[in-house]
Amino acid sequence: SIISLACPIGCYMNTILMKTGRKIPLVVVGYTCTAGWIIMATSYTVEQLIFGRFVA
């Protein structure tokens, strides 16, 4: 699954961002997920859909 490939990246990013508090990581995750959903909603090819799933 493509989501399983992105989980380790998120774990490392979370350890770095948690040093700044909780608000900034939540905002970063919100924007990242929104970007992934937009990519998935506007995708024309399978590759774009997979990339959107990876981002979200």
Protein backbone atom coordinates (compact mmCIF):
# COMPACT_ATOMS: atom_id res chain seq x y z
CA SER A 1 0.00 0.00 0.00
CA ILE A 2 1.25 3.47 -0.85
CA ILE A 3 0.24 4.82 2.56
CA SER A 4 2.57 2.35 4.27
CA LEU A 5 5.49 3.80 2.31
CA ALA A 6 4.78 7.34 3.53
CA CYS A 7 4.32 6.50 7.23
CA PRO A 8 8.04 6.40 8.15
CA ILE A 9 8.52 9.83 6.57
CA GLY A 10 5.66 11.20 8.67
CA CYS A 11 7.10 9.71 11.85
CA TYR A 12 10.46 11.40 11.32
CA MET A 13 8.81 14.71 10.46
CA ASN A 14 6.63 14.46 13.55
CA THR A 15 9.60 14.03 15.89
CA ILE A 16 11.19 17.17 14.46
CA LEU A 17 7.99 19.23 14.49
CA MET A 18 6.91 18.23 18.01
CA LYS A 19 9.84 20.22 19.39
CA THR A 20 8.09 23.39 18.20
CA GLY A 21 4.81 22.67 19.99
CA ARG A 22 1.54 21.19 18.76
CA LYS A 23 0.00 23.97 16.71
CA ILE A 24 2.60 24.09 13.94
CA PRO A 25 2.58 20.30 13.26
CA LEU A 26 -1.23 20.32 13.08
CA VAL A 27 -1.18 23.19 10.60
CA VAL A 28 1.51 21.48 8.49
CA VAL A 29 -0.43 18.20 8.44
CA GLY A 30 -3.65 20.02 7.57
CA TYR A 31 -2.10 21.77 4.58
CA THR A 32 -0.35 18.58 3.45
CA CYS A 33 -3.52 16.50 3.59
CA THR A 34 -5.50 19.21 1.82
CA ALA A 35 -2.90 19.33 -0.96
CA GLY A 36 -3.09 15.55 -1.32
CA TRP A 37 -6.88 15.62 -1.50
CA ILE A 38 -6.79 18.33 -4.16
CA ILE A 39 -4.28 16.31 -6.18
CA MET A 40 -6.50 13.22 -5.92
CA ALA A 41 -9.65 15.15 -6.83
CA THR A 42 -8.09 16.72 -9.92
CA SER A 43 -6.05 13.74 -11.11
CA TYR A 44 -6.33 12.56 -14.70
CA THR A 45 -3.88 9.66 -14.57
CA VAL A 46 -3.22 6.80 -12.20
CA GLU A 47 0.21 8.22 -11.40
CA GLN A 48 -1.32 11.49 -10.20
CA LEU A 49 -3.79 9.58 -8.06
CA ILE A 50 -1.01 7.51 -6.49
CA PHE A 51 1.03 10.66 -5.84
CA GLY A 52 -1.99 12.27 -4.18
CA ARG A 53 -2.43 9.22 -1.96
CA PHE A 54 1.26 9.38 -1.04
CA VAL A 55 1.01 13.05 -0.10
CA ALA A 56 -2.24 12.68 1.84
